[in-house]
Amino acid sequence: MHTVLEQPALARLVTPDYEEVPVRVTLRYTSADPFAVHIDFPPAASADDEGVTWTFARTLLAEGLTAPTGIGDVHIWPCGPTRTVVELHSPYGMAMILFGRAALHRFLRRSFTVVAPGGEDLEPVLDDGLASLLGGV
């Protein structure tokens, strides 16, 4: 049986004019995908009025709370003493979201009670990866 952890959070989407627009998101973690965290955005926060989910490494989020980190599509860094920036890149553009650091810390602590860091089971991930690469051969 897999455990799913969801935590609503109020974030601020930074517009191209550097205005901050409040947006309610859901931070999500599941023991079925123990290396990842998910940020679910509501339909109103997307260009096509459909909900959007971003998935990235839980370790990336943990590291980004204390120092700039990230490669590729997701970058995270501390912003002052109380906020954290999550920058998301897609073919459609870039989004910069400000979170209260305390909310992200609380979410990570809760995720660590579901699956402790280093306690992730690699076997299902490897099996799924090999099956995907081999295409059922």
Protein backbone atom coordinates (compact mmCIF):
# COMPACT_ATOMS: atom_id res chain seq x y z
CA MET A 1 0.00 0.00 0.00
CA HIS A 2 1.39 3.38 -0.98
CA THR A 3 1.13 6.51 1.10
CA VAL A 4 0.24 9.83 -0.55
CA LEU A 5 1.04 13.07 1.22
CA GLU A 6 -0.60 16.30 0.05
CA GLN A 7 -0.05 19.76 1.49
CA PRO A 8 -1.80 22.89 0.20
CA ALA A 9 0.48 25.91 -0.02
CA LEU A 10 0.10 29.54 -0.95
CA ALA A 11 2.78 30.58 -3.42
CA ARG A 12 3.39 33.75 -5.39
CA LEU A 13 3.82 33.63 -9.15
CA VAL A 14 6.19 36.38 -10.30
CA THR A 15 4.94 38.02 -13.50
CA PRO A 16 7.20 39.43 -16.27
CA ASP A 17 6.53 42.87 -14.70
CA TYR A 18 7.80 41.51 -11.33
CA GLU A 19 4.37 41.64 -9.74
CA GLU A 20 3.59 38.78 -7.36
CA VAL A 21 0.28 37.02 -7.98
CA PRO A 22 -0.94 34.63 -5.26
CA VAL A 23 -1.59 31.07 -6.40
CA ARG A 24 -2.72 28.07 -4.34
CA VAL A 25 -0.77 24.94 -5.17
CA THR A 26 -0.61 21.45 -3.74
CA LEU A 27 2.72 19.96 -2.73
CA ARG A 28 2.50 16.19 -3.18
CA TYR A 29 4.67 13.21 -2.31
CA THR A 30 3.92 9.52 -2.77
CA SER A 31 5.78 6.46 -1.57
CA ALA A 32 5.06 4.94 -5.01
CA ASP A 33 7.57 7.43 -6.49
CA PRO A 34 9.89 7.98 -3.50
CA PHE A 35 12.56 10.04 -5.24
CA ALA A 36 10.18 12.70 -6.54
CA VAL A 37 8.05 15.56 -5.30
CA HIS A 38 5.17 17.10 -7.24
CA ILE A 39 3.76 20.61 -7.39
CA ASP A 40 0.17 20.63 -8.65
CA PHE A 41 -0.96 23.99 -10.05
CA PRO A 42 -4.65 24.83 -10.45
CA PRO A 43 -6.21 25.37 -13.89
CA ALA A 44 -6.25 29.15 -13.43
CA ALA A 45 -2.43 29.17 -13.22
CA SER A 46 -1.92 27.66 -16.69
CA ALA A 47 -2.12 29.10 -20.17
CA ASP A 48 -4.76 26.55 -21.28
CA ASP A 49 -6.91 26.54 -18.12
CA GLU A 50 -5.93 22.96 -17.28
CA GLY A 51 -4.14 21.89 -14.14
CA VAL A 52 -0.38 21.46 -14.44
CA THR A 53 1.91 19.22 -12.40
CA TRP A 54 5.66 19.63 -12.15
CA THR A 55 7.67 16.65 -10.90
CA PHE A 56 11.31 16.77 -9.82
CA ALA A 57 13.76 15.20 -7.37
CA ARG A 58 13.02 15.46 -3.67
CA THR A 59 16.75 15.97 -3.05
CA LEU A 60 16.68 18.98 -5.38
CA LEU A 61 14.00 20.61 -3.24
CA ALA A 62 15.90 19.80 -0.03
CA GLU A 63 19.17 21.22 -1.38
CA GLY A 64 17.48 24.32 -2.80
CA LEU A 65 16.27 25.39 0.63
CA THR A 66 19.83 26.17 1.70
CA ALA A 67 21.78 26.87 -1.52
CA PRO A 68 21.15 27.50 -5.22
CA THR A 69 20.72 24.23 -7.06
CA GLY A 70 19.24 22.81 -10.22
CA ILE A 71 19.98 21.82 -13.75
CA GLY A 72 17.73 21.65 -16.75
CA ASP A 73 14.12 22.63 -16.24
CA VAL A 74 14.05 23.18 -12.45
CA HIS A 75 16.17 25.58 -10.41
CA ILE A 76 15.67 26.32 -6.71
CA TRP A 77 17.37 28.81 -4.40
CA PRO A 78 16.87 30.65 -1.11
CA CYS A 79 15.55 34.21 -1.44
CA GLY A 80 16.18 36.12 1.75
CA PRO A 81 15.63 34.63 5.17
CA THR A 82 12.04 33.39 4.71
CA ARG A 83 11.43 32.58 1.04
CA THR A 84 12.53 30.07 -1.58
CA VAL A 85 12.33 30.49 -5.35
CA VAL A 86 11.33 27.61 -7.63
CA GLU A 87 12.04 28.43 -11.27
CA LEU A 88 10.42 26.17 -13.87
CA HIS A 89 11.37 26.12 -17.57
CA SER A 90 9.25 24.60 -20.34
CA PRO A 91 9.03 24.97 -24.11
CA TYR A 92 6.27 27.54 -23.44
CA GLY A 93 8.39 29.78 -21.22
CA MET A 94 9.59 30.19 -17.67
CA ALA A 95 7.71 30.54 -14.40
CA MET A 96 9.19 31.85 -11.17
CA ILE A 97 7.31 30.90 -8.02
CA LEU A 98 8.04 32.18 -4.50
CA PHE A 99 7.29 29.91 -1.56
CA GLY A 100 7.52 30.49 2.14
CA ARG A 101 10.53 28.45 3.22
CA ALA A 102 8.69 27.19 6.32
CA ALA A 103 5.96 25.55 4.19
CA LEU A 104 8.55 23.73 2.06
CA HIS A 105 10.48 22.62 5.17
CA ARG A 106 7.26 21.29 6.72
CA PHE A 107 6.42 19.40 3.53
CA LEU A 108 9.89 17.84 3.32
CA ARG A 109 9.85 16.82 6.99
CA ARG A 110 6.48 15.17 6.44
CA SER A 111 7.78 13.38 3.30
CA PHE A 112 10.77 12.10 5.32
CA THR A 113 8.34 10.43 7.73
CA VAL A 114 6.77 8.59 4.78
CA VAL A 115 10.12 7.50 3.28
CA ALA A 116 13.33 8.49 5.04
CA PRO A 117 16.13 9.97 2.92
CA GLY A 118 18.27 7.03 1.77
CA GLY A 119 15.42 4.61 2.48
CA GLU A 120 13.98 4.75 -1.03
CA ASP A 121 13.52 1.33 -2.63
CA LEU A 122 15.42 1.28 -5.94
CA GLU A 123 14.08 -2.05 -7.19
CA PRO A 124 10.73 -0.83 -8.62
CA VAL A 125 12.41 2.22 -10.18
CA LEU A 126 15.06 0.04 -11.85
CA ASP A 127 12.47 -2.50 -13.01
CA ASP A 128 10.31 0.25 -14.55
CA GLY A 129 13.34 1.89 -16.17
CA LEU A 130 14.60 -1.36 -17.68
CA ALA A 131 11.13 -2.27 -18.95
CA SER A 132 10.85 1.16 -20.56
CA LEU A 133 14.27 0.91 -22.19
CA LEU A 134 13.74 -2.63 -23.46
CA GLY A 135 10.21 -1.96 -24.67
CA GLY A 136 8.87 -5.32 -23.56
CA VAL A 137 11.66 -7.33 -25.23
